[in-house]
Amino acid sequence: MAIAVLGRPSLWPTALRTARRTATPGWWHRRPFLPVPSGDYLRFRLVTQYGETDRRPDPADVLDYLAWCRDWDRAAGS
């Protein structure tokens, strides 16, 4: 995912905002010490996108999601 996002500099600010919004509170106190979403949130997103939790996200889908978030933020005036 990171490589896919690195190839789209226009999505970098959105990726950082999304990471901040979805990070588990107090993430700096728990391994892997990265601002990653909770397992429950990731499972929810996988089920709503693919209908199952056993699938890895497709990088193109992640880029589409970030572009949607960027467009939504712009429309909302963020």
Protein backbone atom coordinates (compact mmCIF):
# COMPACT_ATOMS: atom_id res chain seq x y z
CA MET A 1 0.00 0.00 0.00
CA ALA A 2 2.75 2.43 0.92
CA ILE A 3 4.43 1.99 -2.46
CA ALA A 4 1.13 2.62 -4.25
CA VAL A 5 0.53 5.80 -2.21
CA LEU A 6 4.13 6.96 -2.70
CA GLY A 7 3.47 6.91 -6.43
CA ARG A 8 0.58 9.36 -6.00
CA PRO A 9 1.98 12.51 -4.31
CA SER A 10 -1.39 14.24 -4.67
CA LEU A 11 -2.80 11.73 -2.17
CA TRP A 12 -0.06 12.09 0.45
CA PRO A 13 -1.89 14.72 2.56
CA THR A 14 -5.09 12.66 2.40
CA ALA A 15 -3.24 9.49 3.38
CA LEU A 16 -1.75 11.27 6.41
CA ARG A 17 -5.14 12.70 7.42
CA THR A 18 -6.79 9.31 7.01
CA ALA A 19 -4.06 7.61 9.06
CA ARG A 20 -4.54 10.19 11.82
CA ARG A 21 -8.33 9.80 11.76
CA THR A 22 -8.34 6.01 11.84
CA ALA A 23 -5.38 5.36 14.14
CA THR A 24 -6.12 3.53 17.35
CA PRO A 25 -6.04 6.00 20.26
CA GLY A 26 -2.76 5.75 22.16
CA TRP A 27 -1.09 3.91 19.28
CA TRP A 28 2.34 5.14 20.42
CA HIS A 29 2.01 3.00 23.57
CA ARG A 30 1.54 -0.32 21.72
CA ARG A 31 3.53 -2.27 19.19
CA PRO A 32 4.08 -1.78 16.31
CA PHE A 33 4.21 1.89 17.45
CA LEU A 34 2.59 3.00 14.19
CA PRO A 35 -0.66 4.91 13.69
CA VAL A 36 -2.60 1.95 12.27
CA PRO A 37 -6.35 1.38 12.58
CA SER A 38 -7.72 -1.18 15.00
CA GLY A 39 -8.24 -4.73 13.83
CA ASP A 40 -12.00 -4.28 14.24
CA TYR A 41 -11.99 -1.29 11.91
CA LEU A 42 -9.87 -3.10 9.31
CA ARG A 43 -12.16 -6.14 9.41
CA PHE A 44 -15.18 -3.86 8.99
CA ARG A 45 -13.62 -2.15 5.97
CA LEU A 46 -12.67 -5.51 4.39
CA VAL A 47 -16.18 -6.88 4.83
CA THR A 48 -17.83 -3.76 3.42
CA GLN A 49 -15.44 -3.65 0.44
CA TYR A 50 -14.97 -7.34 -0.39
CA GLY A 51 -17.59 -9.23 1.62
CA GLU A 52 -14.94 -11.14 3.57
CA THR A 53 -12.07 -10.57 5.97
CA ASP A 54 -9.60 -13.06 4.47
CA ARG A 55 -8.65 -10.87 1.54
CA ARG A 56 -5.83 -8.37 1.33
CA PRO A 57 -6.86 -4.90 0.14
CA ASP A 58 -6.11 -4.18 -3.49
CA PRO A 59 -3.76 -1.17 -3.83
CA ALA A 60 -5.98 0.33 -6.56
CA ASP A 61 -8.96 0.15 -4.19
CA VAL A 62 -6.96 1.92 -1.47
CA LEU A 63 -6.00 4.68 -3.92
CA ASP A 64 -9.64 5.01 -4.99
CA TYR A 65 -10.69 5.23 -1.32
CA LEU A 66 -8.10 7.93 -0.62
CA ALA A 67 -9.21 9.89 -3.69
CA TRP A 68 -12.81 9.62 -2.47
CA CYS A 69 -11.75 10.86 0.99
CA ARG A 70 -9.89 13.79 -0.60
CA ASP A 71 -12.92 14.72 -2.70
CA TRP A 72 -15.24 14.39 0.29
CA ASP A 73 -12.99 16.61 2.43
CA ARG A 74 -12.89 19.24 -0.32
CA ALA A 75 -16.66 19.22 -0.69
CA ALA A 76 -17.05 19.52 3.09
CA GLY A 77 -14.61 22.43 3.20
CA SER A 78 -11.95 20.71 5.33
